[in-house]
Amino acid sequence: MMAKQPNKTVAGTNIQEVRQQNAQSAQAGAAGQFGTEFAAETNIQEVKQQNAQSESRKAQSTTRQTSNQSK
Protein backbone atom coordinates (compact mmCIF):
# COMPACT_ATOMS: atom_id res chain seq x y z
CA MET A 1 0.00 0.00 0.00
CA MET A 2 1.25 3.45 -0.91
CA ALA A 3 1.83 5.99 1.82
CA LYS A 4 -0.82 8.68 1.77
CA GLN A 5 0.47 11.98 0.46
CA PRO A 6 -0.95 15.19 1.91
CA ASN A 7 -3.24 17.14 -0.45
CA LYS A 8 -3.55 14.17 -2.81
CA THR A 9 -6.44 11.78 -3.34
CA VAL A 10 -5.95 8.04 -3.63
CA ALA A 11 -5.93 8.50 -7.41
CA GLY A 12 -3.16 11.08 -7.11
CA THR A 13 -5.24 14.19 -7.77
CA ASN A 14 -3.82 17.38 -6.31
CA ILE A 15 -6.66 18.65 -4.10
CA GLN A 16 -5.30 22.21 -3.82
CA GLU A 17 -5.02 22.52 -7.59
CA VAL A 18 -8.60 21.32 -8.08
CA ARG A 19 -9.90 23.76 -5.46
CA GLN A 20 -8.05 26.60 -7.17
CA GLN A 21 -9.45 25.66 -10.58
CA ASN A 22 -12.96 25.42 -9.14
CA ALA A 23 -12.62 28.87 -7.57
CA GLN A 24 -11.45 30.36 -10.86
CA SER A 25 -14.28 28.64 -12.70
CA ALA A 26 -16.84 29.95 -10.22
CA GLN A 27 -15.54 33.50 -10.62
CA ALA A 28 -15.68 33.28 -14.40
CA GLY A 29 -19.20 31.84 -14.27
CA ALA A 30 -20.41 34.60 -11.96
CA ALA A 31 -19.08 37.19 -14.39
CA GLY A 32 -20.87 35.49 -17.27
CA GLN A 33 -17.64 34.48 -18.97
CA PHE A 34 -17.12 31.15 -20.66
CA GLY A 35 -14.02 29.64 -22.16
CA THR A 36 -13.15 30.39 -25.74
CA GLU A 37 -13.96 26.80 -26.70
CA PHE A 38 -17.62 27.80 -27.10
CA ALA A 39 -17.13 31.09 -28.91
CA ALA A 40 -14.50 29.74 -31.28
CA GLU A 41 -16.90 27.21 -32.81
CA THR A 42 -19.87 29.55 -33.22
CA ASN A 43 -20.33 31.43 -36.48
CA ILE A 44 -22.32 34.45 -35.32
CA GLN A 45 -23.31 35.55 -38.83
CA GLU A 46 -24.64 32.08 -39.62
CA VAL A 47 -26.67 31.99 -36.40
CA LYS A 48 -28.14 35.43 -37.10
CA GLN A 49 -29.05 34.36 -40.63
CA GLN A 50 -30.72 31.19 -39.37
CA ASN A 51 -32.65 33.19 -36.77
CA ALA A 52 -33.82 35.64 -39.45
CA GLN A 53 -34.95 32.79 -41.71
CA SER A 54 -36.80 31.19 -38.84
CA GLU A 55 -38.56 34.45 -37.98
CA SER A 56 -39.46 34.92 -41.64
CA ARG A 57 -40.97 31.44 -41.83
CA LYS A 58 -42.93 32.06 -38.63
CA ALA A 59 -44.32 35.30 -40.04
CA GLN A 60 -45.32 33.60 -43.32
CA SER A 61 -46.90 30.71 -41.44
CA THR A 62 -48.91 33.06 -39.23
CA THR A 63 -50.11 35.06 -42.24
CA ARG A 64 -51.26 31.91 -44.05
CA GLN A 65 -53.11 30.62 -41.01
CA THR A 66 -54.89 33.93 -40.50
CA SER A 67 -55.96 34.18 -44.16
CA ASN A 68 -57.15 30.54 -44.17
CA GLN A 69 -59.26 31.13 -41.07
CA SER A 70 -60.98 34.19 -42.51
CA LYS A 71 -62.18 32.31 -45.63
PDB file of N, CA and C in Angstrom:
ATOM      1  N   MET A   1       0.846  -1.196   0.000  1.00  0.00           N
ATOM      2  CA  MET A   1       0.000   0.000   0.000  1.00  0.00           C
ATOM      3  C   MET A   1       0.882   1.247   0.000  1.00  0.00           C
ATOM      4  N   MET A   2       0.472   2.219  -0.824  1.00  0.00           N
ATOM      5  CA  MET A   2       1.254   3.454  -0.910  1.00  0.00           C
ATOM      6  C   MET A   2       0.984   4.330   0.303  1.00  0.00           C
ATOM      7  N   ALA A   3       1.998   5.053   0.719  1.00  0.00           N
ATOM      8  CA  ALA A   3       1.827   5.993   1.818  1.00  0.00           C
ATOM      9  C   ALA A   3       0.983   7.164   1.327  1.00  0.00           C
ATOM     10  N   LYS A   4       0.069   7.588   2.171  1.00  0.00           N
ATOM     11  CA  LYS A   4      -0.816   8.682   1.768  1.00  0.00           C
ATOM     12  C   LYS A   4      -0.039   9.995   1.712  1.00  0.00           C
ATOM     13  N   GLN A   5      -0.199  10.693   0.616  1.00  0.00           N
ATOM     14  CA  GLN A   5       0.474  11.977   0.462  1.00  0.00           C
ATOM     15  C   GLN A   5      -0.509  13.084   0.829  1.00  0.00           C
ATOM     16  N   PRO A   6      -0.041  14.087   1.548  1.00  0.00           N
ATOM     17  CA  PRO A   6      -0.946  15.193   1.909  1.00  0.00           C
ATOM     18  C   PRO A   6      -1.400  15.941   0.655  1.00  0.00           C
ATOM     19  N   ASN A   7      -2.637  16.395   0.662  1.00  0.00           N
ATOM     20  CA  ASN A   7      -3.236  17.143  -0.447  1.00  0.00           C
ATOM     21  C   ASN A   7      -3.372  16.335  -1.731  1.00  0.00           C
ATOM     22  N   LYS A   8      -3.369  15.018  -1.633  1.00  0.00           N
ATOM     23  CA  LYS A   8      -3.554  14.174  -2.813  1.00  0.00           C
ATOM     24  C   LYS A   8      -4.644  13.156  -2.506  1.00  0.00           C
ATOM     25  N   THR A   9      -5.452  12.842  -3.501  1.00  0.00           N
ATOM     26  CA  THR A   9      -6.443  11.782  -3.340  1.00  0.00           C
ATOM     27  C   THR A   9      -5.761  10.448  -3.591  1.00  0.00           C
ATOM     28  N   VAL A  10      -6.489   9.376  -3.384  1.00  0.00           N
ATOM     29  CA  VAL A  10      -5.946   8.041  -3.629  1.00  0.00           C
ATOM     30  C   VAL A  10      -5.504   7.918  -5.090  1.00  0.00           C
ATOM     31  N   ALA A  11      -6.254   8.564  -5.984  1.00  0.00           N
ATOM     32  CA  ALA A  11      -5.932   8.501  -7.409  1.00  0.00           C
ATOM     33  C   ALA A  11      -4.761   9.405  -7.782  1.00  0.00           C
ATOM     34  N   GLY A  12      -4.303  10.214  -6.837  1.00  0.00           N
ATOM     35  CA  GLY A  12      -3.157  11.082  -7.109  1.00  0.00           C
ATOM     36  C   GLY A  12      -3.529  12.490  -7.530  1.00  0.00           C
ATOM     37  N   THR A  13      -4.800  12.846  -7.396  1.00  0.00           N
ATOM     38  CA  THR A  13      -5.241  14.186  -7.775  1.00  0.00           C
ATOM     39  C   THR A  13      -4.785  15.205  -6.733  1.00  0.00           C
ATOM     40  N   ASN A  14      -4.262  16.313  -7.203  1.00  0.00           N
ATOM     41  CA  ASN A  14      -3.823  17.382  -6.311  1.00  0.00           C
ATOM     42  C   ASN A  14      -5.049  18.189  -5.872  1.00  0.00           C
ATOM     43  N   ILE A  15      -5.434  18.034  -4.615  1.00  0.00           N
ATOM     44  CA  ILE A  15      -6.661  18.647  -4.096  1.00  0.00           C
ATOM     45  C   ILE A  15      -6.594  20.168  -4.153  1.00  0.00           C
ATOM     46  N   GLN A  16      -5.442  20.746  -3.800  1.00  0.00           N
ATOM     47  CA  GLN A  16      -5.295  22.209  -3.818  1.00  0.00           C
ATOM     48  C   GLN A  16      -5.491  22.753  -5.228  1.00  0.00           C
ATOM     49  N   GLU A  17      -4.918  22.060  -6.202  1.00  0.00           N
ATOM     50  CA  GLU A  17      -5.022  22.519  -7.590  1.00  0.00           C
ATOM     51  C   GLU A  17      -6.472  22.488  -8.063  1.00  0.00           C
ATOM     52  N   VAL A  18      -7.183  21.440  -7.691  1.00  0.00           N
ATOM     53  CA  VAL A  18      -8.596  21.324  -8.083  1.00  0.00           C
ATOM     54  C   VAL A  18      -9.422  22.420  -7.421  1.00  0.00           C
ATOM     55  N   ARG A  19      -9.162  22.691  -6.159  1.00  0.00           N
ATOM     56  CA  ARG A  19      -9.895  23.763  -5.463  1.00  0.00           C
ATOM     57  C   ARG A  19      -9.643  25.117  -6.125  1.00  0.00           C
ATOM     58  N   GLN A  20      -8.398  25.336  -6.524  1.00  0.00           N
ATOM     59  CA  GLN A  20      -8.046  26.602  -7.175  1.00  0.00           C
ATOM     60  C   GLN A  20      -8.766  26.725  -8.524  1.00  0.00           C
ATOM     61  N   GLN A  21      -8.769  25.638  -9.290  1.00  0.00           N
ATOM     62  CA  GLN A  21      -9.454  25.657 -10.582  1.00  0.00           C
ATOM     63  C   GLN A  21     -10.952  25.871 -10.412  1.00  0.00           C
ATOM     64  N   ASN A  22     -11.533  25.246  -9.397  1.00  0.00           N
ATOM     65  CA  ASN A  22     -12.961  25.416  -9.138  1.00  0.00           C
ATOM     66  C   ASN A  22     -13.275  26.862  -8.769  1.00  0.00           C
ATOM     67  N   ALA A  23     -12.411  27.472  -7.971  1.00  0.00           N
ATOM     68  CA  ALA A  23     -12.617  28.868  -7.570  1.00  0.00           C
ATOM     69  C   ALA A  23     -12.544  29.781  -8.790  1.00  0.00           C
ATOM     70  N   GLN A  24     -11.576  29.550  -9.653  1.00  0.00           N
ATOM     71  CA  GLN A  24     -11.446  30.363 -10.863  1.00  0.00           C
ATOM     72  C   GLN A  24     -12.660  30.173 -11.762  1.00  0.00           C
ATOM     73  N   SER A  25     -13.120  28.945 -11.870  1.00  0.00           N
ATOM     74  CA  SER A  25     -14.276  28.643 -12.704  1.00  0.00           C
ATOM     75  C   SER A  25     -15.527  29.336 -12.153  1.00  0.00           C
ATOM     76  N   ALA A  26     -15.681  29.310 -10.843  1.00  0.00           N
ATOM     77  CA  ALA A  26     -16.845  29.945 -10.217  1.00  0.00           C
ATOM     78  C   ALA A  26     -16.825  31.450 -10.455  1.00  0.00           C
ATOM     79  N   GLN A  27     -15.657  32.057 -10.376  1.00  0.00           N
ATOM     80  CA  GLN A  27     -15.543  33.502 -10.618  1.00  0.00           C
ATOM     81  C   GLN A  27     -15.889  33.833 -12.058  1.00  0.00           C
ATOM     82  N   ALA A  28     -15.399  33.036 -12.986  1.00  0.00           N
ATOM     83  CA  ALA A  28     -15.680  33.276 -14.399  1.00  0.00           C
ATOM     84  C   ALA A  28     -17.166  33.100 -14.675  1.00  0.00           C
ATOM     85  N   GLY A  29     -17.777  32.089 -14.071  1.00  0.00           N
ATOM     86  CA  GLY A  29     -19.203  31.843 -14.271  1.00  0.00           C
ATOM     87  C   GLY A  29     -20.054  32.972 -13.723  1.00  0.00           C
ATOM     88  N   ALA A  30     -19.661  33.503 -12.572  1.00  0.00           N
ATOM     89  CA  ALA A  30     -20.414  34.596 -11.960  1.00  0.00           C
ATOM     90  C   ALA A  30     -20.348  35.850 -12.824  1.00  0.00           C
ATOM     91  N   ALA A  31     -19.243  36.017 -13.538  1.00  0.00           N
ATOM     92  CA  ALA A  31     -19.076  37.187 -14.393  1.00  0.00           C
ATOM     93  C   ALA A  31     -19.694  36.968 -15.768  1.00  0.00           C
ATOM     94  N   GLY A  32     -20.251  35.784 -15.997  1.00  0.00           N
ATOM     95  CA  GLY A  32     -20.873  35.491 -17.274  1.00  0.00           C
ATOM     96  C   GLY A  32     -19.867  35.174 -18.364  1.00  0.00           C
ATOM     97  N   GLN A  33     -18.680  34.781 -17.983  1.00  0.00           N
ATOM     98  CA  GLN A  33     -17.643  34.478 -18.975  1.00  0.00           C
ATOM     99  C   GLN A  33     -17.534  32.974 -19.138  1.00  0.00           C
ATOM    100  N   PHE A  34     -17.346  32.551 -20.375  1.00  0.00           N
ATOM    101  CA  PHE A  34     -17.117  31.145 -20.656  1.00  0.00           C
ATOM    102  C   PHE A  34     -15.810  31.032 -21.412  1.00  0.00           C
ATOM    103  N   GLY A  35     -15.264  29.850 -21.438  1.00  0.00           N
ATOM    104  CA  GLY A  35     -14.017  29.640 -22.156  1.00  0.00           C
ATOM    105  C   GLY A  35     -14.189  29.882 -23.644  1.00  0.00           C
ATOM    106  N   THR A  36     -13.090  30.115 -24.312  1.00  0.00           N
ATOM    107  CA  THR A  36     -13.149  30.389 -25.741  1.00  0.00           C
ATOM    108  C   THR A  36     -13.560  29.172 -26.547  1.00  0.00           C
ATOM    109  N   GLU A  37     -13.597  27.991 -25.937  1.00  0.00           N
ATOM    110  CA  GLU A  37     -13.960  26.799 -26.700  1.00  0.00           C
ATOM    111  C   GLU A  37     -15.376  26.881 -27.242  1.00  0.00           C
ATOM    112  N   PHE A  38     -16.257  27.646 -26.587  1.00  0.00           N
ATOM    113  CA  PHE A  38     -17.616  27.801 -27.099  1.00  0.00           C
ATOM    114  C   PHE A  38     -17.654  28.841 -28.214  1.00  0.00           C
ATOM    115  N   ALA A  39     -17.080  29.984 -27.945  1.00  0.00           N
ATOM    116  CA  ALA A  39     -17.129  31.090 -28.906  1.00  0.00           C
ATOM    117  C   ALA A  39     -16.390  30.758 -30.187  1.00  0.00           C
ATOM    118  N   ALA A  40     -15.323  30.017 -30.104  1.00  0.00           N
ATOM    119  CA  ALA A  40     -14.500  29.735 -31.279  1.00  0.00           C
ATOM    120  C   ALA A  40     -15.243  28.895 -32.310  1.00  0.00           C
ATOM    121  N   GLU A  41     -16.199  28.101 -31.885  1.00  0.00           N
ATOM    122  CA  GLU A  41     -16.899  27.211 -32.806  1.00  0.00           C
ATOM    123  C   GLU A  41     -18.221  27.779 -33.297  1.00  0.00           C
ATOM    124  N   THR A  42     -18.580  28.964 -32.854  1.00  0.00           N
ATOM    125  CA  THR A  42     -19.866  29.546 -33.215  1.00  0.00           C
ATOM    126  C   THR A  42     -19.678  30.614 -34.285  1.00  0.00           C
ATOM    127  N   ASN A  43     -20.355  30.435 -35.413  1.00  0.00           N
ATOM    128  CA  ASN A  43     -20.330  31.428 -36.482  1.00  0.00           C
ATOM    129  C   ASN A  43     -21.517  32.359 -36.250  1.00  0.00           C
ATOM    130  N   ILE A  44     -21.253  33.532 -35.727  1.00  0.00           N
ATOM    131  CA  ILE A  44     -22.322  34.448 -35.316  1.00  0.00           C
ATOM    132  C   ILE A  44     -23.187  34.865 -36.501  1.00  0.00           C
ATOM    133  N   GLN A  45     -22.541  35.148 -37.641  1.00  0.00           N
ATOM    134  CA  GLN A  45     -23.313  35.547 -38.827  1.00  0.00           C
ATOM    135  C   GLN A  45     -24.273  34.447 -39.258  1.00  0.00           C
ATOM    136  N   GLU A  46     -23.795  33.207 -39.221  1.00  0.00           N
ATOM    137  CA  GLU A  46     -24.641  32.081 -39.617  1.00  0.00           C
ATOM    138  C   GLU A  46     -25.829  31.935 -38.672  1.00  0.00           C
ATOM    139  N   VAL A  47     -25.590  32.092 -37.386  1.00  0.00           N
ATOM    140  CA  VAL A  47     -26.671  31.992 -36.399  1.00  0.00           C
ATOM    141  C   VAL A  47     -27.695  33.101 -36.621  1.00  0.00           C
ATOM    142  N   LYS A  48     -27.213  34.327 -36.859  1.00  0.00           N
ATOM    143  CA  LYS A  48     -28.137  35.434 -37.097  1.00  0.00           C
ATOM    144  C   LYS A  48     -28.974  35.191 -38.351  1.00  0.00           C
ATOM    145  N   GLN A  49     -28.334  34.646 -39.392  1.00  0.00           N
ATOM    146  CA  GLN A  49     -29.046  34.356 -40.632  1.00  0.00           C
ATOM    147  C   GLN A  49     -30.116  33.291 -40.400  1.00  0.00           C
ATOM    148  N   GLN A  50     -29.754  32.247 -39.659  1.00  0.00           N
ATOM    149  CA  GLN A  50     -30.719  31.190 -39.367  1.00  0.00           C
ATOM    150  C   GLN A  50     -31.884  31.724 -38.544  1.00  0.00           C
ATOM    151  N   ASN A  51     -31.590  32.598 -37.593  1.00  0.00           N
ATOM    152  CA  ASN A  51     -32.653  33.186 -36.774  1.00  0.00           C
ATOM    153  C   ASN A  51     -33.587  34.031 -37.634  1.00  0.00           C
ATOM    154  N   ALA A  52     -33.002  34.800 -38.571  1.00  0.00           N
ATOM    155  CA  ALA A  52     -33.820  35.643 -39.449  1.00  0.00           C
ATOM    156  C   ALA A  52     -34.708  34.778 -40.337  1.00  0.00           C
ATOM    157  N   GLN A  53     -34.151  33.693 -40.874  1.00  0.00           N
ATOM    158  CA  GLN A  53     -34.946  32.794 -41.714  1.00  0.00           C
ATOM    159  C   GLN A  53     -36.083  32.168 -40.914  1.00  0.00           C
ATOM    160  N   SER A  54     -35.789  31.787 -39.694  1.00  0.00           N
ATOM    161  CA  SER A  54     -36.802  31.187 -38.837  1.00  0.00           C
ATOM    162  C   SER A  54     -37.933  32.176 -38.555  1.00  0.00           C
ATOM    163  N   GLU A  55     -37.553  33.425 -38.240  1.00  0.00           N
ATOM    164  CA  GLU A  55     -38.561  34.450 -37.975  1.00  0.00           C
ATOM    165  C   GLU A  55     -39.413  34.702 -39.222  1.00  0.00           C
ATOM    166  N   SER A  56     -38.752  34.702 -40.380  1.00  0.00           N
ATOM    167  CA  SER A  56     -39.456  34.924 -41.637  1.00  0.00           C
ATOM    168  C   SER A  56     -40.477  33.811 -41.878  1.00  0.00           C
ATOM    169  N   ARG A  57     -40.049  32.577 -41.646  1.00  0.00           N
ATOM    170  CA  ARG A  57     -40.971  31.439 -41.826  1.00  0.00           C
ATOM    171  C   ARG A  57     -42.139  31.523 -40.854  1.00  0.00           C
ATOM    172  N   LYS A  58     -41.850  31.930 -39.626  1.00  0.00           N
ATOM    173  CA  LYS A  58     -42.931  32.058 -38.633  1.00  0.00           C
ATOM    174  C   LYS A  58     -43.941  33.102 -39.087  1.00  0.00           C
ATOM    175  N   ALA A  59     -43.436  34.220 -39.593  1.00  0.00           N
ATOM    176  CA  ALA A  59     -44.321  35.297 -40.036  1.00  0.00           C
ATOM    177  C   ALA A  59     -45.171  34.820 -41.210  1.00  0.00           C
ATOM    178  N   GLN A  60     -44.573  34.117 -42.158  1.00  0.00           N
ATOM    179  CA  GLN A  60     -45.324  33.599 -43.317  1.00  0.00           C
ATOM    180  C   GLN A  60     -46.368  32.591 -42.863  1.00  0.00           C
ATOM    181  N   SER A  61     -45.994  31.738 -41.947  1.00  0.00           N
ATOM    182  CA  SER A  61     -46.899  30.714 -41.438  1.00  0.00           C
ATOM    183  C   SER A  61     -48.090  31.363 -40.741  1.00  0.00           C
ATOM    184  N   THR A  62     -47.846  32.367 -39.953  1.00  0.00           N
ATOM    185  CA  THR A  62     -48.910  33.063 -39.231  1.00  0.00           C
ATOM    186  C   THR A  62     -49.845  33.757 -40.210  1.00  0.00           C
ATOM    187  N   THR A  63     -49.293  34.372 -41.237  1.00  0.00           N
ATOM    188  CA  THR A  63     -50.107  35.063 -42.243  1.00  0.00           C
ATOM    189  C   THR A  63     -51.006  34.073 -42.969  1.00  0.00           C
ATOM    190  N   ARG A  64     -50.453  32.930 -43.345  1.00  0.00           N
ATOM    191  CA  ARG A  64     -51.256  31.913 -44.047  1.00  0.00           C
ATOM    192  C   ARG A  64     -52.384  31.407 -43.160  1.00  0.00           C
ATOM    193  N   GLN A  65     -52.087  31.144 -41.916  1.00  0.00           N
ATOM    194  CA  GLN A  65     -53.113  30.623 -41.014  1.00  0.00           C
ATOM    195  C   GLN A  65     -54.237  31.642 -40.829  1.00  0.00           C
ATOM    196  N   THR A  66     -53.895  32.881 -40.698  1.00  0.00           N
ATOM    197  CA  THR A  66     -54.887  33.932 -40.502  1.00  0.00           C
ATOM    198  C   THR A  66     -55.761  34.061 -41.743  1.00  0.00           C
ATOM    199  N   SER A  67     -55.153  34.037 -42.939  1.00  0.00           N
ATOM    200  CA  SER A  67     -55.959  34.182 -44.156  1.00  0.00           C
ATOM    201  C   SER A  67     -56.817  32.927 -44.391  1.00  0.00           C
ATOM    202  N   ASN A  68     -56.350  31.766 -44.022  1.00  0.00           N
ATOM    203  CA  ASN A  68     -57.154  30.543 -44.167  1.00  0.00           C
ATOM    204  C   ASN A  68     -58.349  30.563 -43.216  1.00  0.00           C
ATOM    205  N   GLN A  69     -58.185  31.106 -42.041  1.00  0.00           N
ATOM    206  CA  GLN A  69     -59.265  31.126 -41.067  1.00  0.00           C
ATOM    207  C   GLN A  69     -60.342  32.128 -41.475  1.00  0.00           C
ATOM    208  N   SER A  70     -59.982  33.180 -42.160  1.00  0.00           N
ATOM    209  CA  SER A  70     -60.982  34.189 -42.513  1.00  0.00           C
ATOM    210  C   SER A  70     -61.816  33.803 -43.733  1.00  0.00           C
ATOM    211  N   LYS A  71     -61.429  32.736 -44.439  1.00  0.00           N
ATOM    212  CA  LYS A  71     -62.184  32.311 -45.634  1.00  0.00           C
ATOM    213  C   LYS A  71     -63.420  31.528 -45.252  1.00  0.00           C
TER     214      LYS A  71
END
